[in-house]
PDB file of all heavy atoms in Angstrom:
ATOM      1  N   LEU A   1      -7.761   1.932 -60.681  1.00  0.00           N
ATOM      2  CA  LEU A   1      -7.484   1.561 -59.304  1.00  0.00           C
ATOM      3  C   LEU A   1      -7.156   2.783 -58.457  1.00  0.00           C
ATOM      4  O   LEU A   1      -6.555   3.750 -58.932  1.00  0.00           O
ATOM      5  CB  LEU A   1      -6.326   0.575 -59.255  1.00  0.00           C
ATOM      6  CG  LEU A   1      -6.683  -0.847 -59.686  1.00  0.00           C
ATOM      7  CD1 LEU A   1      -5.432  -1.629 -60.052  1.00  0.00           C
ATOM      8  CD2 LEU A   1      -7.457  -1.550 -58.572  1.00  0.00           C
ATOM      9  N   GLN A   2      -7.559   2.719 -57.213  1.00  0.00           N
ATOM     10  CA  GLN A   2      -7.332   3.775 -56.247  1.00  0.00           C
ATOM     11  C   GLN A   2      -6.619   3.211 -55.030  1.00  0.00           C
ATOM     12  O   GLN A   2      -6.653   2.002 -54.786  1.00  0.00           O
ATOM     13  CB  GLN A   2      -8.657   4.423 -55.839  1.00  0.00           C
ATOM     14  CG  GLN A   2      -9.413   5.072 -56.987  1.00  0.00           C
ATOM     15  CD  GLN A   2      -8.626   6.192 -57.637  1.00  0.00           C
ATOM     16  OE1 GLN A   2      -8.013   7.008 -56.955  1.00  0.00           O
ATOM     17  NE2 GLN A   2      -8.638   6.240 -58.964  1.00  0.00           N
ATOM     18  N   PRO A   3      -5.981   4.068 -54.247  1.00  0.00           N
ATOM     19  CA  PRO A   3      -5.283   3.572 -53.052  1.00  0.00           C
ATOM     20  C   PRO A   3      -6.152   2.741 -52.122  1.00  0.00           C
ATOM     21  O   PRO A   3      -5.652   1.806 -51.491  1.00  0.00           O
ATOM     22  CB  PRO A   3      -4.795   4.860 -52.383  1.00  0.00           C
ATOM     23  CG  PRO A   3      -4.575   5.800 -53.517  1.00  0.00           C
ATOM     24  CD  PRO A   3      -5.689   5.501 -54.491  1.00  0.00           C
ATOM     25  N   ASP A   4      -7.435   3.051 -52.038  1.00  0.00           N
ATOM     26  CA  ASP A   4      -8.327   2.283 -51.175  1.00  0.00           C
ATOM     27  C   ASP A   4      -8.534   0.855 -51.667  1.00  0.00           C
ATOM     28  O   ASP A   4      -9.072   0.026 -50.932  1.00  0.00           O
ATOM     29  CB  ASP A   4      -9.688   2.972 -51.049  1.00  0.00           C
ATOM     30  CG  ASP A   4      -9.660   4.178 -50.131  1.00  0.00           C
ATOM     31  OD1 ASP A   4      -8.662   4.358 -49.408  1.00  0.00           O
ATOM     32  OD2 ASP A   4     -10.641   4.946 -50.136  1.00  0.00           O
ATOM     33  N   ASP A   5      -8.129   0.563 -52.887  1.00  0.00           N
ATOM     34  CA  ASP A   5      -8.212  -0.793 -53.404  1.00  0.00           C
ATOM     35  C   ASP A   5      -7.065  -1.663 -52.918  1.00  0.00           C
ATOM     36  O   ASP A   5      -7.050  -2.870 -53.183  1.00  0.00           O
ATOM     37  CB  ASP A   5      -8.223  -0.791 -54.935  1.00  0.00           C
ATOM     38  CG  ASP A   5      -9.458  -0.118 -55.508  1.00  0.00           C
ATOM     39  OD1 ASP A   5     -10.565  -0.360 -54.994  1.00  0.00           O
ATOM     40  OD2 ASP A   5      -9.307   0.646 -56.489  1.00  0.00           O
ATOM     41  N   THR A   6      -6.118  -1.084 -52.244  1.00  0.00           N
ATOM     42  CA  THR A   6      -4.967  -1.826 -51.752  1.00  0.00           C
ATOM     43  C   THR A   6      -5.397  -2.921 -50.785  1.00  0.00           C
ATOM     44  O   THR A   6      -6.233  -2.706 -49.908  1.00  0.00           O
ATOM     45  CB  THR A   6      -3.972  -0.884 -51.072  1.00  0.00           C
ATOM     46  OG1 THR A   6      -3.406  -0.001 -52.046  1.00  0.00           O
ATOM     47  CG2 THR A   6      -2.843  -1.659 -50.406  1.00  0.00           C
ATOM     48  N   GLY A   7      -4.828  -4.090 -50.944  1.00  0.00           N
ATOM     49  CA  GLY A   7      -5.113  -5.191 -50.055  1.00  0.00           C
ATOM     50  C   GLY A   7      -4.685  -6.504 -50.672  1.00  0.00           C
ATOM     51  O   GLY A   7      -4.162  -6.548 -51.786  1.00  0.00           O
ATOM     52  N   VAL A   8      -4.923  -7.556 -49.937  1.00  0.00           N
ATOM     53  CA  VAL A   8      -4.680  -8.897 -50.435  1.00  0.00           C
ATOM     54  C   VAL A   8      -5.976  -9.418 -51.030  1.00  0.00           C
ATOM     55  O   VAL A   8      -7.016  -9.419 -50.363  1.00  0.00           O
ATOM     56  CB  VAL A   8      -4.183  -9.840 -49.329  1.00  0.00           C
ATOM     57  CG1 VAL A   8      -3.957 -11.238 -49.881  1.00  0.00           C
ATOM     58  CG2 VAL A   8      -2.902  -9.297 -48.714  1.00  0.00           C
ATOM     59  N   TYR A   9      -5.912  -9.847 -52.262  1.00  0.00           N
ATOM     60  CA  TYR A   9      -7.082 -10.347 -52.973  1.00  0.00           C
ATOM     61  C   TYR A   9      -7.061 -11.863 -52.982  1.00  0.00           C
ATOM     62  O   TYR A   9      -6.077 -12.487 -53.395  1.00  0.00           O
ATOM     63  CB  TYR A   9      -7.114  -9.791 -54.400  1.00  0.00           C
ATOM     64  CG  TYR A   9      -7.546  -8.350 -54.445  1.00  0.00           C
ATOM     65  CD1 TYR A   9      -6.732  -7.346 -53.929  1.00  0.00           C
ATOM     66  CD2 TYR A   9      -8.776  -7.986 -54.991  1.00  0.00           C
ATOM     67  CE1 TYR A   9      -7.135  -6.022 -53.946  1.00  0.00           C
ATOM     68  CE2 TYR A   9      -9.180  -6.669 -55.017  1.00  0.00           C
ATOM     69  CZ  TYR A   9      -8.358  -5.686 -54.494  1.00  0.00           C
ATOM     70  OH  TYR A   9      -8.765  -4.369 -54.522  1.00  0.00           O
ATOM     71  N   TYR A  10      -8.157 -12.450 -52.527  1.00  0.00           N
ATOM     72  CA  TYR A  10      -8.273 -13.890 -52.385  1.00  0.00           C
ATOM     73  C   TYR A  10      -9.316 -14.452 -53.332  1.00  0.00           C
ATOM     74  O   TYR A  10     -10.380 -13.866 -53.517  1.00  0.00           O
ATOM     75  CB  TYR A  10      -8.681 -14.269 -50.959  1.00  0.00           C
ATOM     76  CG  TYR A  10      -7.699 -13.868 -49.888  1.00  0.00           C
ATOM     77  CD1 TYR A  10      -7.810 -12.657 -49.235  1.00  0.00           C
ATOM     78  CD2 TYR A  10      -6.662 -14.722 -49.525  1.00  0.00           C
ATOM     79  CE1 TYR A  10      -6.919 -12.284 -48.246  1.00  0.00           C
ATOM     80  CE2 TYR A  10      -5.765 -14.362 -48.533  1.00  0.00           C
ATOM     81  CZ  TYR A  10      -5.899 -13.142 -47.896  1.00  0.00           C
ATOM     82  OH  TYR A  10      -5.010 -12.788 -46.912  1.00  0.00           O
ATOM     83  N   CYS A  11      -9.005 -15.592 -53.884  1.00  0.00           N
ATOM     84  CA  CYS A  11      -9.942 -16.337 -54.705  1.00  0.00           C
ATOM     85  C   CYS A  11     -10.638 -17.385 -53.858  1.00  0.00           C
ATOM     86  O   CYS A  11     -10.005 -18.042 -53.019  1.00  0.00           O
ATOM     87  CB  CYS A  11      -9.202 -17.001 -55.865  1.00  0.00           C
ATOM     88  SG  CYS A  11     -10.234 -17.985 -56.969  1.00  0.00           S
ATOM     89  N   ASN A  12     -11.935 -17.543 -54.068  1.00  0.00           N
ATOM     90  CA  ASN A  12     -12.721 -18.547 -53.366  1.00  0.00           C
ATOM     91  C   ASN A  12     -13.558 -19.331 -54.356  1.00  0.00           C
ATOM     92  O   ASN A  12     -14.121 -18.763 -55.288  1.00  0.00           O
ATOM     93  CB  ASN A  12     -13.631 -17.898 -52.322  1.00  0.00           C
ATOM     94  CG  ASN A  12     -14.589 -18.885 -51.685  1.00  0.00           C
ATOM     95  OD1 ASN A  12     -15.747 -19.000 -52.100  1.00  0.00           O
ATOM     96  ND2 ASN A  12     -14.113 -19.593 -50.677  1.00  0.00           N
ATOM     97  N   GLY A  13     -13.641 -20.632 -54.147  1.00  0.00           N
ATOM     98  CA  GLY A  13     -14.484 -21.477 -54.960  1.00  0.00           C
ATOM     99  C   GLY A  13     -15.298 -22.409 -54.100  1.00  0.00           C
ATOM    100  O   GLY A  13     -14.808 -22.901 -53.085  1.00  0.00           O
ATOM    101  N   GLN A  14     -16.537 -22.648 -54.526  1.00  0.00           N
ATOM    102  CA  GLN A  14     -17.435 -23.542 -53.805  1.00  0.00           C
ATOM    103  C   GLN A  14     -17.961 -24.607 -54.747  1.00  0.00           C
ATOM    104  O   GLN A  14     -18.425 -24.301 -55.847  1.00  0.00           O
ATOM    105  CB  GLN A  14     -18.605 -22.763 -53.190  1.00  0.00           C
ATOM    106  CG  GLN A  14     -18.189 -21.723 -52.167  1.00  0.00           C
ATOM    107  CD  GLN A  14     -19.375 -21.015 -51.552  1.00  0.00           C
ATOM    108  OE1 GLN A  14     -20.326 -21.671 -51.101  1.00  0.00           O
ATOM    109  NE2 GLN A  14     -19.322 -19.710 -51.525  1.00  0.00           N
ATOM    110  N   TRP A  15     -17.886 -25.850 -54.278  1.00  0.00           N
ATOM    111  CA  TRP A  15     -18.358 -26.992 -55.050  1.00  0.00           C
ATOM    112  C   TRP A  15     -19.460 -27.713 -54.285  1.00  0.00           C
ATOM    113  O   TRP A  15     -19.338 -27.943 -53.076  1.00  0.00           O
ATOM    114  CB  TRP A  15     -17.214 -27.970 -55.318  1.00  0.00           C
ATOM    115  CG  TRP A  15     -16.362 -27.610 -56.491  1.00  0.00           C
ATOM    116  CD1 TRP A  15     -16.437 -28.128 -57.748  1.00  0.00           C
ATOM    117  CD2 TRP A  15     -15.297 -26.649 -56.515  1.00  0.00           C
ATOM    118  NE1 TRP A  15     -15.489 -27.562 -58.558  1.00  0.00           N
ATOM    119  CE2 TRP A  15     -14.770 -26.645 -57.827  1.00  0.00           C
ATOM    120  CE3 TRP A  15     -14.729 -25.797 -55.560  1.00  0.00           C
ATOM    121  CZ2 TRP A  15     -13.717 -25.821 -58.210  1.00  0.00           C
ATOM    122  CZ3 TRP A  15     -13.674 -24.979 -55.944  1.00  0.00           C
ATOM    123  CH2 TRP A  15     -13.188 -24.998 -57.246  1.00  0.00           C
ATOM    124  N   ILE A  16     -20.527 -28.070 -54.990  1.00  0.00           N
ATOM    125  CA  ILE A  16     -21.594 -28.857 -54.384  1.00  0.00           C
ATOM    126  C   ILE A  16     -21.551 -30.301 -54.858  1.00  0.00           C
ATOM    127  O   ILE A  16     -22.353 -31.125 -54.419  1.00  0.00           O
ATOM    128  CB  ILE A  16     -22.982 -28.243 -54.649  1.00  0.00           C
ATOM    129  CG1 ILE A  16     -23.260 -28.159 -56.157  1.00  0.00           C
ATOM    130  CG2 ILE A  16     -23.092 -26.880 -53.982  1.00  0.00           C
ATOM    131  CD1 ILE A  16     -24.673 -27.724 -56.486  1.00  0.00           C
ATOM    132  N   VAL A  17     -20.659 -30.607 -55.753  1.00  0.00           N
ATOM    133  CA  VAL A  17     -20.292 -31.975 -56.083  1.00  0.00           C
ATOM    134  C   VAL A  17     -18.819 -32.116 -55.778  1.00  0.00           C
ATOM    135  O   VAL A  17     -18.128 -31.120 -55.544  1.00  0.00           O
ATOM    136  CB  VAL A  17     -20.601 -32.321 -57.556  1.00  0.00           C
ATOM    137  CG1 VAL A  17     -22.095 -32.226 -57.820  1.00  0.00           C
ATOM    138  CG2 VAL A  17     -19.842 -31.385 -58.495  1.00  0.00           C
ATOM    139  N   GLU A  18     -18.310 -33.364 -55.798  1.00  0.00           N
ATOM    140  CA  GLU A  18     -16.912 -33.571 -55.468  1.00  0.00           C
ATOM    141  C   GLU A  18     -16.001 -32.760 -56.366  1.00  0.00           C
ATOM    142  O   GLU A  18     -16.178 -32.748 -57.581  1.00  0.00           O
ATOM    143  CB  GLU A  18     -16.559 -35.049 -55.558  1.00  0.00           C
ATOM    144  CG  GLU A  18     -17.191 -35.895 -54.481  1.00  0.00           C
ATOM    145  CD  GLU A  18     -16.688 -35.509 -53.109  1.00  0.00           C
ATOM    146  OE1 GLU A  18     -15.548 -35.013 -52.986  1.00  0.00           O
ATOM    147  OE2 GLU A  18     -17.442 -35.721 -52.151  1.00  0.00           O
ATOM    148  N   PRO A  19     -15.093 -32.036 -55.732  1.00  0.00           N
ATOM    149  CA  PRO A  19     -14.768 -31.985 -54.312  1.00  0.00           C
ATOM    150  C   PRO A  19     -15.653 -31.009 -53.558  1.00  0.00           C
ATOM    151  O   PRO A  19     -15.505 -29.783 -53.710  1.00  0.00           O
ATOM    152  CB  PRO A  19     -13.317 -31.506 -54.308  1.00  0.00           C
ATOM    153  CG  PRO A  19     -13.241 -30.617 -55.511  1.00  0.00           C
ATOM    154  CD  PRO A  19     -14.159 -31.237 -56.540  1.00  0.00           C
ATOM    155  N   ILE A  20     -16.547 -31.502 -52.767  1.00  0.00           N
ATOM    156  CA  ILE A  20     -17.501 -30.670 -52.051  1.00  0.00           C
ATOM    157  C   ILE A  20     -16.772 -29.806 -51.035  1.00  0.00           C
ATOM    158  O   ILE A  20     -15.911 -30.286 -50.291  1.00  0.00           O
ATOM    159  CB  ILE A  20     -18.553 -31.536 -51.348  1.00  0.00           C
ATOM    160  CG1 ILE A  20     -19.335 -32.350 -52.385  1.00  0.00           C
ATOM    161  CG2 ILE A  20     -19.494 -30.687 -50.509  1.00  0.00           C
ATOM    162  CD1 ILE A  20     -20.286 -33.360 -51.777  1.00  0.00           C
ATOM    163  N   GLY A  21     -17.144 -28.537 -50.994  1.00  0.00           N
ATOM    164  CA  GLY A  21     -16.570 -27.657 -50.004  1.00  0.00           C
ATOM    165  C   GLY A  21     -16.302 -26.267 -50.531  1.00  0.00           C
ATOM    166  O   GLY A  21     -16.601 -25.937 -51.685  1.00  0.00           O
ATOM    167  N   SER A  22     -15.747 -25.452 -49.667  1.00  0.00           N
ATOM    168  CA  SER A  22     -15.348 -24.095 -49.976  1.00  0.00           C
ATOM    169  C   SER A  22     -13.838 -23.998 -49.829  1.00  0.00           C
ATOM    170  O   SER A  22     -13.284 -24.432 -48.817  1.00  0.00           O
ATOM    171  CB  SER A  22     -16.039 -23.102 -49.038  1.00  0.00           C
ATOM    172  OG  SER A  22     -15.643 -21.776 -49.314  1.00  0.00           O
ATOM    173  N   TYR A  23     -13.180 -23.407 -50.823  1.00  0.00           N
ATOM    174  CA  TYR A  23     -11.725 -23.416 -50.869  1.00  0.00           C
ATOM    175  C   TYR A  23     -11.204 -22.019 -51.153  1.00  0.00           C
ATOM    176  O   TYR A  23     -11.819 -21.243 -51.891  1.00  0.00           O
ATOM    177  CB  TYR A  23     -11.226 -24.387 -51.942  1.00  0.00           C
ATOM    178  CG  TYR A  23     -11.699 -25.804 -51.717  1.00  0.00           C
ATOM    179  CD1 TYR A  23     -12.917 -26.241 -52.220  1.00  0.00           C
ATOM    180  CD2 TYR A  23     -10.931 -26.704 -50.983  1.00  0.00           C
ATOM    181  CE1 TYR A  23     -13.361 -27.530 -52.001  1.00  0.00           C
ATOM    182  CE2 TYR A  23     -11.371 -27.997 -50.764  1.00  0.00           C
ATOM    183  CZ  TYR A  23     -12.588 -28.403 -51.278  1.00  0.00           C
ATOM    184  OH  TYR A  23     -13.029 -29.688 -51.059  1.00  0.00           O
ATOM    185  N   TRP A  24     -10.058 -21.724 -50.567  1.00  0.00           N
ATOM    186  CA  TRP A  24      -9.441 -20.412 -50.670  1.00  0.00           C
ATOM    187  C   TRP A  24      -8.032 -20.507 -51.221  1.00  0.00           C
ATOM    188  O   TRP A  24      -7.291 -21.442 -50.920  1.00  0.00           O
ATOM    189  CB  TRP A  24      -9.369 -19.733 -49.304  1.00  0.00           C
ATOM    190  CG  TRP A  24     -10.701 -19.382 -48.724  1.00  0.00           C
ATOM    191  CD1 TRP A  24     -11.494 -20.168 -47.943  1.00  0.00           C
ATOM    192  CD2 TRP A  24     -11.400 -18.146 -48.885  1.00  0.00           C
ATOM    193  NE1 TRP A  24     -12.638 -19.501 -47.600  1.00  0.00           N
ATOM    194  CE2 TRP A  24     -12.611 -18.259 -48.162  1.00  0.00           C
ATOM    195  CE3 TRP A  24     -11.125 -16.961 -49.558  1.00  0.00           C
ATOM    196  CZ2 TRP A  24     -13.536 -17.216 -48.107  1.00  0.00           C
ATOM    197  CZ3 TRP A  24     -12.047 -15.934 -49.507  1.00  0.00           C
ATOM    198  CH2 TRP A  24     -13.237 -16.069 -48.783  1.00  0.00           C
ATOM    199  N   GLY A  25      -7.669 -19.517 -52.010  1.00  0.00           N
ATOM    200  CA  GLY A  25      -6.295 -19.372 -52.419  1.00  0.00           C
ATOM    201  C   GLY A  25      -5.492 -18.642 -51.365  1.00  0.00           C
ATOM    202  O   GLY A  25      -6.010 -18.194 -50.339  1.00  0.00           O
ATOM    203  N   GLN A  26      -4.206 -18.528 -51.614  1.00  0.00           N
ATOM    204  CA  GLN A  26      -3.314 -17.878 -50.668  1.00  0.00           C
ATOM    205  C   GLN A  26      -3.345 -16.356 -50.771  1.00  0.00           C
ATOM    206  O   GLN A  26      -2.876 -15.670 -49.867  1.00  0.00           O
ATOM    207  CB  GLN A  26      -1.885 -18.370 -50.870  1.00  0.00           C
ATOM    208  CG  GLN A  26      -1.673 -19.825 -50.490  1.00  0.00           C
ATOM    209  CD  GLN A  26      -1.933 -20.074 -49.029  1.00  0.00           C
ATOM    210  OE1 GLN A  26      -2.904 -20.740 -48.659  1.00  0.00           O
ATOM    211  NE2 GLN A  26      -1.093 -19.528 -48.170  1.00  0.00           N
TER     212      GLN A  26
END
């Protein structure tokens, strides 16, 4: 890891069956 890697890392998931949609973590 380098200083430029600093940031908030978010998880995202996409479903095409229920639960349909795109979802984000905090």
